[in-house]
Amino acid sequence: MIFKHEIILIFILMAYRSANSIRCYKCLGNFADDSCQSEGYLSDVEQCQEGDICYLEKTYSVVFELAFGARGCAKPNFCEEEKKKYGRKLRWCESCNTTDKCNNYQIKYIKFKE
């Protein structure tokens, strides 16, 4: 009987965790293909930890002369930390926590900041 109550408690805790966190699209890809460009190509979704945000970023590699896009879950200060870490290589980063999969918009045509 105790085992049954433990299972019920686990499901309640899982539901509570899901209710207090969002889900985000997750991907990493270059702009030579469309793997991480727009919602039509996105399929992987991850459940974030409570308090996390969704992010969307665009970086540029001078060495490979390629732009890269990334999406996923992160801590609220993710974009600020990425800017400190990558400097000018990080061309654009934005976060959201309003709704599930709020990092769904197209990043292919976002202009690089000089």
PDB file of N, CA and C in Angstrom:
ATOM      1  N   MET A   1       0.820  -1.204   0.000  1.00  0.00           N
ATOM      2  CA  MET A   1       0.000   0.000   0.000  1.00  0.00           C
ATOM      3  C   MET A   1       0.866   1.271   0.000  1.00  0.00           C
ATOM      4  N   ILE A   2       1.969   1.214   0.735  1.00  0.00           N
ATOM      5  CA  ILE A   2       2.860   2.368   0.775  1.00  0.00           C
ATOM      6  C   ILE A   2       3.449   2.626  -0.613  1.00  0.00           C
ATOM      7  N   PHE A   3       3.793   1.590  -1.321  1.00  0.00           N
ATOM      8  CA  PHE A   3       4.358   1.718  -2.662  1.00  0.00           C
ATOM      9  C   PHE A   3       3.405   2.472  -3.584  1.00  0.00           C
ATOM     10  N   LYS A   4       2.126   2.193  -3.482  1.00  0.00           N
ATOM     11  CA  LYS A   4       1.120   2.872  -4.309  1.00  0.00           C
ATOM     12  C   LYS A   4       1.113   4.369  -4.013  1.00  0.00           C
ATOM     13  N   HIS A   5       1.200   4.735  -2.747  1.00  0.00           N
ATOM     14  CA  HIS A   5       1.214   6.152  -2.372  1.00  0.00           C
ATOM     15  C   HIS A   5       2.481   6.847  -2.869  1.00  0.00           C
ATOM     16  N   GLU A   6       3.598   6.135  -2.859  1.00  0.00           N
ATOM     17  CA  GLU A   6       4.844   6.715  -3.363  1.00  0.00           C
ATOM     18  C   GLU A   6       4.749   7.009  -4.857  1.00  0.00           C
ATOM     19  N   ILE A   7       4.139   6.119  -5.601  1.00  0.00           N
ATOM     20  CA  ILE A   7       3.965   6.330  -7.041  1.00  0.00           C
ATOM     21  C   ILE A   7       3.070   7.534  -7.295  1.00  0.00           C
ATOM     22  N   ILE A   8       1.996   7.642  -6.567  1.00  0.00           N
ATOM     23  CA  ILE A   8       1.084   8.788  -6.720  1.00  0.00           C
ATOM     24  C   ILE A   8       1.822  10.084  -6.393  1.00  0.00           C
ATOM     25  N   LEU A   9       2.609  10.078  -5.328  1.00  0.00           N
ATOM     26  CA  LEU A   9       3.365  11.266  -4.939  1.00  0.00           C
ATOM     27  C   LEU A   9       4.370  11.661  -6.026  1.00  0.00           C
ATOM     28  N   ILE A  10       5.017  10.694  -6.632  1.00  0.00           N
ATOM     29  CA  ILE A  10       5.964  10.974  -7.712  1.00  0.00           C
ATOM     30  C   ILE A  10       5.260  11.646  -8.884  1.00  0.00           C
ATOM     31  N   PHE A  11       4.093  11.148  -9.266  1.00  0.00           N
ATOM     32  CA  PHE A  11       3.351  11.761 -10.372  1.00  0.00           C
ATOM     33  C   PHE A  11       2.901  13.180 -10.030  1.00  0.00           C
ATOM     34  N   ILE A  12       2.500  13.405  -8.803  1.00  0.00           N
ATOM     35  CA  ILE A  12       2.094  14.752  -8.378  1.00  0.00           C
ATOM     36  C   ILE A  12       3.287  15.702  -8.460  1.00  0.00           C
ATOM     37  N   LEU A  13       4.447  15.260  -7.985  1.00  0.00           N
ATOM     38  CA  LEU A  13       5.642  16.104  -8.037  1.00  0.00           C
ATOM     39  C   LEU A  13       6.071  16.396  -9.469  1.00  0.00           C
ATOM     40  N   MET A  14       5.959  15.405 -10.335  1.00  0.00           N
ATOM     41  CA  MET A  14       6.302  15.619 -11.746  1.00  0.00           C
ATOM     42  C   MET A  14       5.346  16.614 -12.387  1.00  0.00           C
ATOM     43  N   ALA A  15       4.073  16.516 -12.086  1.00  0.00           N
ATOM     44  CA  ALA A  15       3.088  17.452 -12.638  1.00  0.00           C
ATOM     45  C   ALA A  15       3.342  18.856 -12.113  1.00  0.00           C
ATOM     46  N   TYR A  16       3.693  18.981 -10.835  1.00  0.00           N
ATOM     47  CA  TYR A  16       3.977  20.290 -10.256  1.00  0.00           C
ATOM     48  C   TYR A  16       5.193  20.916 -10.929  1.00  0.00           C
ATOM     49  N   ARG A  17       6.247  20.120 -11.119  1.00  0.00           N
ATOM     50  CA  ARG A  17       7.456  20.626 -11.767  1.00  0.00           C
ATOM     51  C   ARG A  17       7.153  21.104 -13.173  1.00  0.00           C
ATOM     52  N   SER A  18       6.382  20.333 -13.914  1.00  0.00           N
ATOM     53  CA  SER A  18       6.039  20.711 -15.284  1.00  0.00           C
ATOM     54  C   SER A  18       5.183  21.959 -15.319  1.00  0.00           C
ATOM     55  N   ALA A  19       4.316  22.128 -14.343  1.00  0.00           N
ATOM     56  CA  ALA A  19       3.432  23.291 -14.316  1.00  0.00           C
ATOM     57  C   ALA A  19       4.204  24.571 -14.030  1.00  0.00           C
ATOM     58  N   ASN A  20       5.350  24.471 -13.365  1.00  0.00           N
ATOM     59  CA  ASN A  20       6.129  25.650 -13.000  1.00  0.00           C
ATOM     60  C   ASN A  20       7.345  25.864 -13.892  1.00  0.00           C
ATOM     61  N   SER A  21       7.404  25.186 -14.992  1.00  0.00           N
ATOM     62  CA  SER A  21       8.508  25.375 -15.924  1.00  0.00           C
ATOM     63  C   SER A  21       7.960  25.386 -17.347  1.00  0.00           C
ATOM     64  N   ILE A  22       8.761  25.882 -18.248  1.00  0.00           N
ATOM     65  CA  ILE A  22       8.329  25.964 -19.642  1.00  0.00           C
ATOM     66  C   ILE A  22       9.105  24.963 -20.489  1.00  0.00           C
ATOM     67  N   ARG A  23       8.628  24.771 -21.691  1.00  0.00           N
ATOM     68  CA  ARG A  23       9.304  23.918 -22.669  1.00  0.00           C
ATOM     69  C   ARG A  23       9.840  24.818 -23.771  1.00  0.00           C
ATOM     70  N   CYS A  24      11.029  24.465 -24.267  1.00  0.00           N
ATOM     71  CA  CYS A  24      11.676  25.274 -25.300  1.00  0.00           C
ATOM     72  C   CYS A  24      12.126  24.395 -26.456  1.00  0.00           C
ATOM     73  N   TYR A  25      12.156  25.001 -27.639  1.00  0.00           N
ATOM     74  CA  TYR A  25      12.788  24.320 -28.760  1.00  0.00           C
ATOM     75  C   TYR A  25      14.279  24.217 -28.467  1.00  0.00           C
ATOM     76  N   LYS A  26      14.890  23.106 -28.893  1.00  0.00           N
ATOM     77  CA  LYS A  26      16.308  22.877 -28.660  1.00  0.00           C
ATOM     78  C   LYS A  26      16.966  22.482 -29.975  1.00  0.00           C
ATOM     79  N   CYS A  27      17.994  23.208 -30.371  1.00  0.00           N
ATOM     80  CA  CYS A  27      18.734  22.848 -31.578  1.00  0.00           C
ATOM     81  C   CYS A  27      20.030  23.635 -31.646  1.00  0.00           C
ATOM     82  N   LEU A  28      20.899  23.171 -32.505  1.00  0.00           N
ATOM     83  CA  LEU A  28      22.152  23.845 -32.822  1.00  0.00           C
ATOM     84  C   LEU A  28      22.428  23.537 -34.278  1.00  0.00           C
ATOM     85  N   GLY A  29      22.629  24.559 -35.093  1.00  0.00           N
ATOM     86  CA  GLY A  29      22.857  24.314 -36.514  1.00  0.00           C
ATOM     87  C   GLY A  29      23.496  25.500 -37.189  1.00  0.00           C
ATOM     88  N   ASN A  30      24.049  25.248 -38.367  1.00  0.00           N
ATOM     89  CA  ASN A  30      24.640  26.357 -39.112  1.00  0.00           C
ATOM     90  C   ASN A  30      23.648  26.844 -40.164  1.00  0.00           C
ATOM     91  N   PHE A  31      23.958  27.986 -40.746  1.00  0.00           N
ATOM     92  CA  PHE A  31      23.031  28.596 -41.689  1.00  0.00           C
ATOM     93  C   PHE A  31      23.191  28.063 -43.107  1.00  0.00           C
ATOM     94  N   ALA A  32      24.125  27.122 -43.297  1.00  0.00           N
ATOM     95  CA  ALA A  32      24.246  26.485 -44.610  1.00  0.00           C
ATOM     96  C   ALA A  32      23.082  25.520 -44.837  1.00  0.00           C
ATOM     97  N   ASP A  33      22.533  25.009 -43.746  1.00  0.00           N
ATOM     98  CA  ASP A  33      21.312  24.201 -43.845  1.00  0.00           C
ATOM     99  C   ASP A  33      20.238  24.914 -43.029  1.00  0.00           C
ATOM    100  N   ASP A  34      19.059  24.375 -42.987  1.00  0.00           N
ATOM    101  CA  ASP A  34      17.968  25.045 -42.276  1.00  0.00           C
ATOM    102  C   ASP A  34      17.624  24.365 -40.956  1.00  0.00           C
ATOM    103  N   SER A  35      18.565  23.628 -40.383  1.00  0.00           N
ATOM    104  CA  SER A  35      18.258  22.786 -39.232  1.00  0.00           C
ATOM    105  C   SER A  35      17.808  23.530 -37.986  1.00  0.00           C
ATOM    106  N   CYS A  36      18.141  24.782 -37.851  1.00  0.00           N
ATOM    107  CA  CYS A  36      17.785  25.510 -36.625  1.00  0.00           C
ATOM    108  C   CYS A  36      17.241  26.898 -36.948  1.00  0.00           C
ATOM    109  N   GLN A  37      16.646  27.065 -38.126  1.00  0.00           N
ATOM    110  CA  GLN A  37      16.301  28.394 -38.604  1.00  0.00           C
ATOM    111  C   GLN A  37      14.915  28.889 -38.232  1.00  0.00           C
ATOM    112  N   SER A  38      13.919  28.076 -38.459  1.00  0.00           N
ATOM    113  CA  SER A  38      12.554  28.546 -38.247  1.00  0.00           C
ATOM    114  C   SER A  38      11.694  27.411 -37.719  1.00  0.00           C
ATOM    115  N   GLU A  39      10.534  27.759 -37.244  1.00  0.00           N
ATOM    116  CA  GLU A  39       9.662  26.795 -36.575  1.00  0.00           C
ATOM    117  C   GLU A  39       9.347  25.585 -37.447  1.00  0.00           C
ATOM    118  N   GLY A  40       9.286  25.761 -38.744  1.00  0.00           N
ATOM    119  CA  GLY A  40       8.985  24.651 -39.632  1.00  0.00           C
ATOM    120  C   GLY A  40      10.015  23.537 -39.586  1.00  0.00           C
ATOM    121  N   TYR A  41      11.238  23.862 -39.177  1.00  0.00           N
ATOM    122  CA  TYR A  41      12.310  22.872 -39.110  1.00  0.00           C
ATOM    123  C   TYR A  41      12.559  22.368 -37.694  1.00  0.00           C
ATOM    124  N   LEU A  42      11.916  22.958 -36.711  1.00  0.00           N
ATOM    125  CA  LEU A  42      12.180  22.610 -35.321  1.00  0.00           C
ATOM    126  C   LEU A  42      11.326  21.434 -34.886  1.00  0.00           C
ATOM    127  N   SER A  43      11.949  20.459 -34.244  1.00  0.00           N
ATOM    128  CA  SER A  43      11.189  19.310 -33.759  1.00  0.00           C
ATOM    129  C   SER A  43      11.561  18.931 -32.333  1.00  0.00           C
ATOM    130  N   ASP A  44      12.795  19.174 -31.910  1.00  0.00           N
ATOM    131  CA  ASP A  44      13.214  18.800 -30.562  1.00  0.00           C
ATOM    132  C   ASP A  44      12.753  19.845 -29.553  1.00  0.00           C
ATOM    133  N   VAL A  45      12.068  19.373 -28.528  1.00  0.00           N
ATOM    134  CA  VAL A  45      11.579  20.242 -27.463  1.00  0.00           C
ATOM    135  C   VAL A  45      12.105  19.684 -26.148  1.00  0.00           C
ATOM    136  N   GLU A  46      12.574  20.567 -25.267  1.00  0.00           N
ATOM    137  CA  GLU A  46      13.045  20.114 -23.964  1.00  0.00           C
ATOM    138  C   GLU A  46      12.254  20.789 -22.855  1.00  0.00           C
ATOM    139  N   GLN A  47      12.069  20.065 -21.755  1.00  0.00           N
ATOM    140  CA  GLN A  47      11.410  20.596 -20.565  1.00  0.00           C
ATOM    141  C   GLN A  47      12.472  21.317 -19.748  1.00  0.00           C
ATOM    142  N   CYS A  48      12.258  22.589 -19.483  1.00  0.00           N
ATOM    143  CA  CYS A  48      13.233  23.367 -18.723  1.00  0.00           C
ATOM    144  C   CYS A  48      13.093  23.100 -17.228  1.00  0.00           C
ATOM    145  N   GLN A  49      14.135  23.447 -16.503  1.00  0.00           N
ATOM    146  CA  GLN A  49      14.077  23.413 -15.051  1.00  0.00           C
ATOM    147  C   GLN A  49      13.245  24.603 -14.580  1.00  0.00           C
ATOM    148  N   GLU A  50      12.696  24.502 -13.399  1.00  0.00           N
ATOM    149  CA  GLU A  50      11.919  25.607 -12.848  1.00  0.00           C
ATOM    150  C   GLU A  50      12.793  26.860 -12.775  1.00  0.00           C
ATOM    151  N   GLY A  51      12.280  27.975 -13.253  1.00  0.00           N
ATOM    152  CA  GLY A  51      13.010  29.236 -13.245  1.00  0.00           C
ATOM    153  C   GLY A  51      13.833  29.494 -14.495  1.00  0.00           C
ATOM    154  N   ASP A  52      14.000  28.494 -15.346  1.00  0.00           N
ATOM    155  CA  ASP A  52      14.759  28.671 -16.584  1.00  0.00           C
ATOM    156  C   ASP A  52      13.956  29.454 -17.617  1.00  0.00           C
ATOM    157  N   ILE A  53      14.649  29.919 -18.624  1.00  0.00           N
ATOM    158  CA  ILE A  53      14.059  30.661 -19.737  1.00  0.00           C
ATOM    159  C   ILE A  53      14.389  29.935 -21.042  1.00  0.00           C
ATOM    160  N   CYS A  54      13.726  30.318 -22.113  1.00  0.00           N
ATOM    161  CA  CYS A  54      14.105  29.847 -23.444  1.00  0.00           C
ATOM    162  C   CYS A  54      15.053  30.886 -24.033  1.00  0.00           C
ATOM    163  N   TYR A  55      16.013  30.433 -24.811  1.00  0.00           N
ATOM    164  CA  TYR A  55      16.902  31.384 -25.472  1.00  0.00           C
ATOM    165  C   TYR A  55      17.003  31.063 -26.948  1.00  0.00           C
ATOM    166  N   LEU A  56      17.493  32.039 -27.662  1.00  0.00           N
ATOM    167  CA  LEU A  56      17.690  31.959 -29.104  1.00  0.00           C
ATOM    168  C   LEU A  56      18.896  32.837 -29.401  1.00  0.00           C
ATOM    169  N   GLU A  57      19.927  32.279 -30.052  1.00  0.00           N
ATOM    170  CA  GLU A  57      21.109  33.093 -30.310  1.00  0.00           C
ATOM    171  C   GLU A  57      21.667  32.841 -31.700  1.00  0.00           C
ATOM    172  N   LYS A  58      22.416  33.811 -32.159  1.00  0.00           N
ATOM    173  CA  LYS A  58      23.071  33.734 -33.462  1.00  0.00           C
ATOM    174  C   LYS A  58      24.527  34.151 -33.275  1.00  0.00           C
ATOM    175  N   THR A  59      25.447  33.302 -33.708  1.00  0.00           N
ATOM    176  CA  THR A  59      26.870  33.603 -33.624  1.00  0.00           C
ATOM    177  C   THR A  59      27.487  33.491 -35.011  1.00  0.00           C
ATOM    178  N   TYR A  60      28.679  34.036 -35.139  1.00  0.00           N
ATOM    179  CA  TYR A  60      29.366  33.980 -36.428  1.00  0.00           C
ATOM    180  C   TYR A  60      30.806  33.531 -36.216  1.00  0.00           C
ATOM    181  N   SER A  61      31.240  32.562 -37.006  1.00  0.00           N
ATOM    182  CA  SER A  61      32.615  32.080 -36.966  1.00  0.00           C
ATOM    183  C   SER A  61      33.378  32.671 -38.143  1.00  0.00           C
ATOM    184  N   VAL A  62      34.351  33.514 -37.847  1.00  0.00           N
ATOM    185  CA  VAL A  62      35.184  34.101 -38.892  1.00  0.00           C
ATOM    186  C   VAL A  62      36.019  33.008 -39.552  1.00  0.00           C
ATOM    187  N   VAL A  63      36.487  32.062 -38.764  1.00  0.00           N
ATOM    188  CA  VAL A  63      37.333  30.975 -39.274  1.00  0.00           C
ATOM    189  C   VAL A  63      36.602  30.160 -40.332  1.00  0.00           C
ATOM    190  N   PHE A  64      35.369  29.761 -40.020  1.00  0.00           N
ATOM    191  CA  PHE A  64      34.602  28.935 -40.945  1.00  0.00           C
ATOM    192  C   PHE A  64      33.709  29.751 -41.873  1.00  0.00           C
ATOM    193  N   GLU A  65      33.637  31.057 -41.642  1.00  0.00           N
ATOM    194  CA  GLU A  65      32.767  31.954 -42.391  1.00  0.00           C
ATOM    195  C   GLU A  65      31.337  31.426 -42.433  1.00  0.00           C
ATOM    196  N   LEU A  66      30.864  31.017 -41.267  1.00  0.00           N
ATOM    197  CA  LEU A  66      29.508  30.487 -41.129  1.00  0.00           C
ATOM    198  C   LEU A  66      28.816  31.126 -39.946  1.00  0.00           C
ATOM    199  N   ALA A  67      27.521  31.312 -40.073  1.00  0.00           N
ATOM    200  CA  ALA A  67      26.698  31.746 -38.954  1.00  0.00           C
ATOM    201  C   ALA A  67      26.053  30.506 -38.345  1.00  0.00           C
ATOM    202  N   PHE A  68      25.904  30.526 -37.040  1.00  0.00           N
ATOM    203  CA  PHE A  68      25.302  29.414 -36.321  1.00  0.00           C
ATOM    204  C   PHE A  68      24.125  29.908 -35.499  1.00  0.00           C
ATOM    205  N   GLY A  69      23.117  29.073 -35.374  1.00  0.00           N
ATOM    206  CA  GLY A  69      21.971  29.372 -34.536  1.00  0.00           C
ATOM    207  C   GLY A  69      21.851  28.325 -33.448  1.00  0.00           C
ATOM    208  N   ALA A  70      21.332  28.728 -32.298  1.00  0.00           N
ATOM    209  CA  ALA A  70      21.116  27.797 -31.189  1.00  0.00           C
ATOM    210  C   ALA A  70      19.861  28.210 -30.438  1.00  0.00           C
ATOM    211  N   ARG A  71      19.178  27.220 -29.902  1.00  0.00           N
ATOM    212  CA  ARG A  71      17.974  27.433 -29.098  1.00  0.00           C
ATOM    213  C   ARG A  71      17.983  26.427 -27.964  1.00  0.00           C
ATOM    214  N   GLY A  72      17.296  26.752 -26.881  1.00  0.00           N
ATOM    215  CA  GLY A  72      17.181  25.800 -25.787  1.00  0.00           C
ATOM    216  C   GLY A  72      16.752  26.452 -24.493  1.00  0.00           C
ATOM    217  N   CYS A  73      16.908  25.707 -23.394  1.00  0.00           N
ATOM    218  CA  CYS A  73      16.630  26.195 -22.044  1.00  0.00           C
ATOM    219  C   CYS A  73      17.921  26.737 -21.445  1.00  0.00           C
ATOM    220  N   ALA A  74      17.794  27.720 -20.579  1.00  0.00           N
ATOM    221  CA  ALA A  74      18.978  28.285 -19.927  1.00  0.00           C
ATOM    222  C   ALA A  74      18.560  29.048 -18.677  1.00  0.00           C
ATOM    223  N   LYS A  75      19.549  29.418 -17.893  1.00  0.00           N
ATOM    224  CA  LYS A  75      19.317  30.258 -16.719  1.00  0.00           C
ATOM    225  C   LYS A  75      18.974  31.672 -17.192  1.00  0.00           C
ATOM    226  N   PRO A  76      18.275  32.456 -16.363  1.00  0.00           N
ATOM    227  CA  PRO A  76      17.824  33.789 -16.792  1.00  0.00           C
ATOM    228  C   PRO A  76      18.927  34.735 -17.267  1.00  0.00           C
ATOM    229  N   ASN A  77      20.147  34.588 -16.790  1.00  0.00           N
ATOM    230  CA  ASN A  77      21.235  35.491 -17.195  1.00  0.00           C
ATOM    231  C   ASN A  77      22.066  34.929 -18.347  1.00  0.00           C
ATOM    232  N   PHE A  78      21.543  33.965 -19.071  1.00  0.00           N
ATOM    233  CA  PHE A  78      22.290  33.281 -20.125  1.00  0.00           C
ATOM    234  C   PHE A  78      22.842  34.241 -21.177  1.00  0.00           C
ATOM    235  N   CYS A  79      22.022  35.109 -21.725  1.00  0.00           N
ATOM    236  CA  CYS A  79      22.480  35.997 -22.802  1.00  0.00           C
ATOM    237  C   CYS A  79      23.589  36.930 -22.327  1.00  0.00           C
ATOM    238  N   GLU A  80      23.469  37.452 -21.124  1.00  0.00           N
ATOM    239  CA  GLU A  80      24.513  38.330 -20.602  1.00  0.00           C
ATOM    240  C   GLU A  80      25.835  37.576 -20.466  1.00  0.00           C
ATOM    241  N   GLU A  81      25.768  36.344 -19.983  1.00  0.00           N
ATOM    242  CA  GLU A  81      26.980  35.533 -19.835  1.00  0.00           C
ATOM    243  C   GLU A  81      27.587  35.183 -21.194  1.00  0.00           C
ATOM    244  N   GLU A  82      26.747  34.884 -22.170  1.00  0.00           N
ATOM    245  CA  GLU A  82      27.242  34.579 -23.516  1.00  0.00           C
ATOM    246  C   GLU A  82      27.944  35.797 -24.122  1.00  0.00           C
ATOM    247  N   LYS A  83      27.390  36.980 -23.903  1.00  0.00           N
ATOM    248  CA  LYS A  83      28.011  38.199 -24.434  1.00  0.00           C
ATOM    249  C   LYS A  83      29.380  38.427 -23.806  1.00  0.00           C
ATOM    250  N   LYS A  84      29.497  38.151 -22.506  1.00  0.00           N
ATOM    251  CA  LYS A  84      30.795  38.282 -21.839  1.00  0.00           C
ATOM    252  C   LYS A  84      31.791  37.263 -22.385  1.00  0.00           C
ATOM    253  N   LYS A  85      31.321  36.057 -22.616  1.00  0.00           N
ATOM    254  CA  LYS A  85      32.200  34.970 -23.043  1.00  0.00           C
ATOM    255  C   LYS A  85      32.656  35.122 -24.492  1.00  0.00           C
ATOM    256  N   TYR A  86      31.739  35.490 -25.385  1.00  0.00           N
ATOM    257  CA  TYR A  86      32.046  35.490 -26.818  1.00  0.00           C
ATOM    258  C   TYR A  86      32.268  36.867 -27.422  1.00  0.00           C
ATOM    259  N   GLY A  87      31.876  37.909 -26.752  1.00  0.00           N
ATOM    260  CA  GLY A  87      32.093  39.257 -27.271  1.00  0.00           C
ATOM    261  C   GLY A  87      31.451  39.473 -28.628  1.00  0.00           C
ATOM    262  N   ARG A  88      32.242  39.929 -29.600  1.00  0.00           N
ATOM    263  CA  ARG A  88      31.702  40.266 -30.924  1.00  0.00           C
ATOM    264  C   ARG A  88      31.278  39.047 -31.731  1.00  0.00           C
ATOM    265  N   LYS A  89      31.752  37.859 -31.376  1.00  0.00           N
ATOM    266  CA  LYS A  89      31.341  36.656 -32.098  1.00  0.00           C
ATOM    267  C   LYS A  89      29.861  36.365 -31.883  1.00  0.00           C
ATOM    268  N   LEU A  90      29.361  36.741 -30.704  1.00  0.00           N
ATOM    269  CA  LEU A  90      27.938  36.573 -30.432  1.00  0.00           C
ATOM    270  C   LEU A  90      27.226  37.776 -31.022  1.00  0.00           C
ATOM    271  N   ARG A  91      26.491  37.559 -32.082  1.00  0.00           N
ATOM    272  CA  ARG A  91      25.875  38.665 -32.802  1.00  0.00           C
ATOM    273  C   ARG A  91      24.484  38.998 -32.294  1.00  0.00           C
ATOM    274  N   TRP A  92      23.822  38.027 -31.679  1.00  0.00           N
ATOM    275  CA  TRP A  92      22.456  38.274 -31.254  1.00  0.00           C
ATOM    276  C   TRP A  92      22.037  37.198 -30.263  1.00  0.00           C
ATOM    277  N   CYS A  93      21.409  37.585 -29.179  1.00  0.00           N
ATOM    278  CA  CYS A  93      20.902  36.627 -28.195  1.00  0.00           C
ATOM    279  C   CYS A  93      19.659  37.230 -27.561  1.00  0.00           C
ATOM    280  N   GLU A  94      18.638  36.431 -27.435  1.00  0.00           N
ATOM    281  CA  GLU A  94      17.394  36.889 -26.827  1.00  0.00           C
ATOM    282  C   GLU A  94      16.809  35.760 -25.998  1.00  0.00           C
ATOM    283  N   SER A  95      16.118  36.134 -24.939  1.00  0.00           N
ATOM    284  CA  SER A  95      15.486  35.131 -24.092  1.00  0.00           C
ATOM    285  C   SER A  95      14.015  35.474 -23.898  1.00  0.00           C
ATOM    286  N   CYS A  96      13.242  34.459 -23.507  1.00  0.00           N
ATOM    287  CA  CYS A  96      11.816  34.654 -23.249  1.00  0.00           C
ATOM    288  C   CYS A  96      11.364  33.608 -22.240  1.00  0.00           C
ATOM    289  N   ASN A  97      10.317  33.903 -21.519  1.00  0.00           N
ATOM    290  CA  ASN A  97       9.736  32.926 -20.601  1.00  0.00           C
ATOM    291  C   ASN A  97       8.226  33.080 -20.513  1.00  0.00           C
ATOM    292  N   THR A  98       7.634  33.594 -21.556  1.00  0.00           N
ATOM    293  CA  THR A  98       6.206  33.895 -21.534  1.00  0.00           C
ATOM    294  C   THR A  98       5.334  32.667 -21.756  1.00  0.00           C
ATOM    295  N   THR A  99       5.702  31.825 -22.703  1.00  0.00           N
ATOM    296  CA  THR A  99       4.896  30.644 -23.030  1.00  0.00           C
ATOM    297  C   THR A  99       5.809  29.502 -23.453  1.00  0.00           C
ATOM    298  N   ASP A 100       5.255  28.312 -23.509  1.00  0.00           N
ATOM    299  CA  ASP A 100       5.998  27.176 -24.039  1.00  0.00           C
ATOM    300  C   ASP A 100       6.455  27.472 -25.463  1.00  0.00           C
ATOM    301  N   LYS A 101       7.668  27.067 -25.769  1.00  0.00           N
ATOM    302  CA  LYS A 101       8.256  27.187 -27.105  1.00  0.00           C
ATOM    303  C   LYS A 101       8.238  28.629 -27.624  1.00  0.00           C
ATOM    304  N   CYS A 102       8.455  29.587 -26.729  1.00  0.00           N
ATOM    305  CA  CYS A 102       8.453  30.998 -27.140  1.00  0.00           C
ATOM    306  C   CYS A 102       9.687  31.353 -27.969  1.00  0.00           C
ATOM    307  N   ASN A 103      10.664  30.464 -28.047  1.00  0.00           N
ATOM    308  CA  ASN A 103      11.862  30.714 -28.869  1.00  0.00           C
ATOM    309  C   ASN A 103      11.689  30.112 -30.262  1.00  0.00           C
ATOM    310  N   ASN A 104      10.530  30.327 -30.844  1.00  0.00           N
ATOM    311  CA  ASN A 104      10.162  29.673 -32.109  1.00  0.00           C
ATOM    312  C   ASN A 104      10.350  30.530 -33.353  1.00  0.00           C
ATOM    313  N   TYR A 105      10.732  31.776 -33.234  1.00  0.00           N
ATOM    314  CA  TYR A 105      10.731  32.613 -34.429  1.00  0.00           C
ATOM    315  C   TYR A 105      11.998  32.457 -35.255  1.00  0.00           C
ATOM    316  N   GLN A 106      11.900  32.859 -36.486  1.00  0.00           N
ATOM    317  CA  GLN A 106      12.969  32.663 -37.467  1.00  0.00           C
ATOM    318  C   GLN A 106      14.143  33.591 -37.184  1.00  0.00           C
ATOM    319  N   ILE A 107      15.348  33.046 -37.232  1.00  0.00           N
ATOM    320  CA  ILE A 107      16.540  33.859 -36.980  1.00  0.00           C
ATOM    321  C   ILE A 107      17.436  34.009 -38.202  1.00  0.00           C
ATOM    322  N   LYS A 108      17.084  33.388 -39.286  1.00  0.00           N
ATOM    323  CA  LYS A 108      17.954  33.397 -40.465  1.00  0.00           C
ATOM    324  C   LYS A 108      18.248  34.809 -40.968  1.00  0.00           C
ATOM    325  N   TYR A 109      17.279  35.685 -40.920  1.00  0.00           N
ATOM    326  CA  TYR A 109      17.451  37.009 -41.518  1.00  0.00           C
ATOM    327  C   TYR A 109      17.730  38.105 -40.500  1.00  0.00           C
ATOM    328  N   ILE A 110      18.017  37.731 -39.273  1.00  0.00           N
ATOM    329  CA  ILE A 110      18.394  38.735 -38.287  1.00  0.00           C
ATOM    330  C   ILE A 110      19.762  39.283 -38.679  1.00  0.00           C
ATOM    331  N   LYS A 111      19.848  40.583 -38.776  1.00  0.00           N
ATOM    332  CA  LYS A 111      21.087  41.217 -39.237  1.00  0.00           C
ATOM    333  C   LYS A 111      22.150  41.147 -38.148  1.00  0.00           C
ATOM    334  N   PHE A 112      23.383  40.988 -38.569  1.00  0.00           N
ATOM    335  CA  PHE A 112      24.496  41.011 -37.635  1.00  0.00           C
ATOM    336  C   PHE A 112      24.712  42.429 -37.148  1.00  0.00           C
ATOM    337  N   LYS A 113      25.054  42.555 -35.884  1.00  0.00           N
ATOM    338  CA  LYS A 113      25.413  43.857 -35.329  1.00  0.00           C
ATOM    339  C   LYS A 113      26.912  44.028 -35.485  1.00  0.00           C
ATOM    340  N   GLU A 114      27.315  45.151 -35.957  1.00  0.00           N
ATOM    341  CA  GLU A 114      28.760  45.410 -36.129  1.00  0.00           C
ATOM    342  C   GLU A 114      29.304  46.152 -34.939  1.00  0.00           C
TER     343      GLU A 114
END
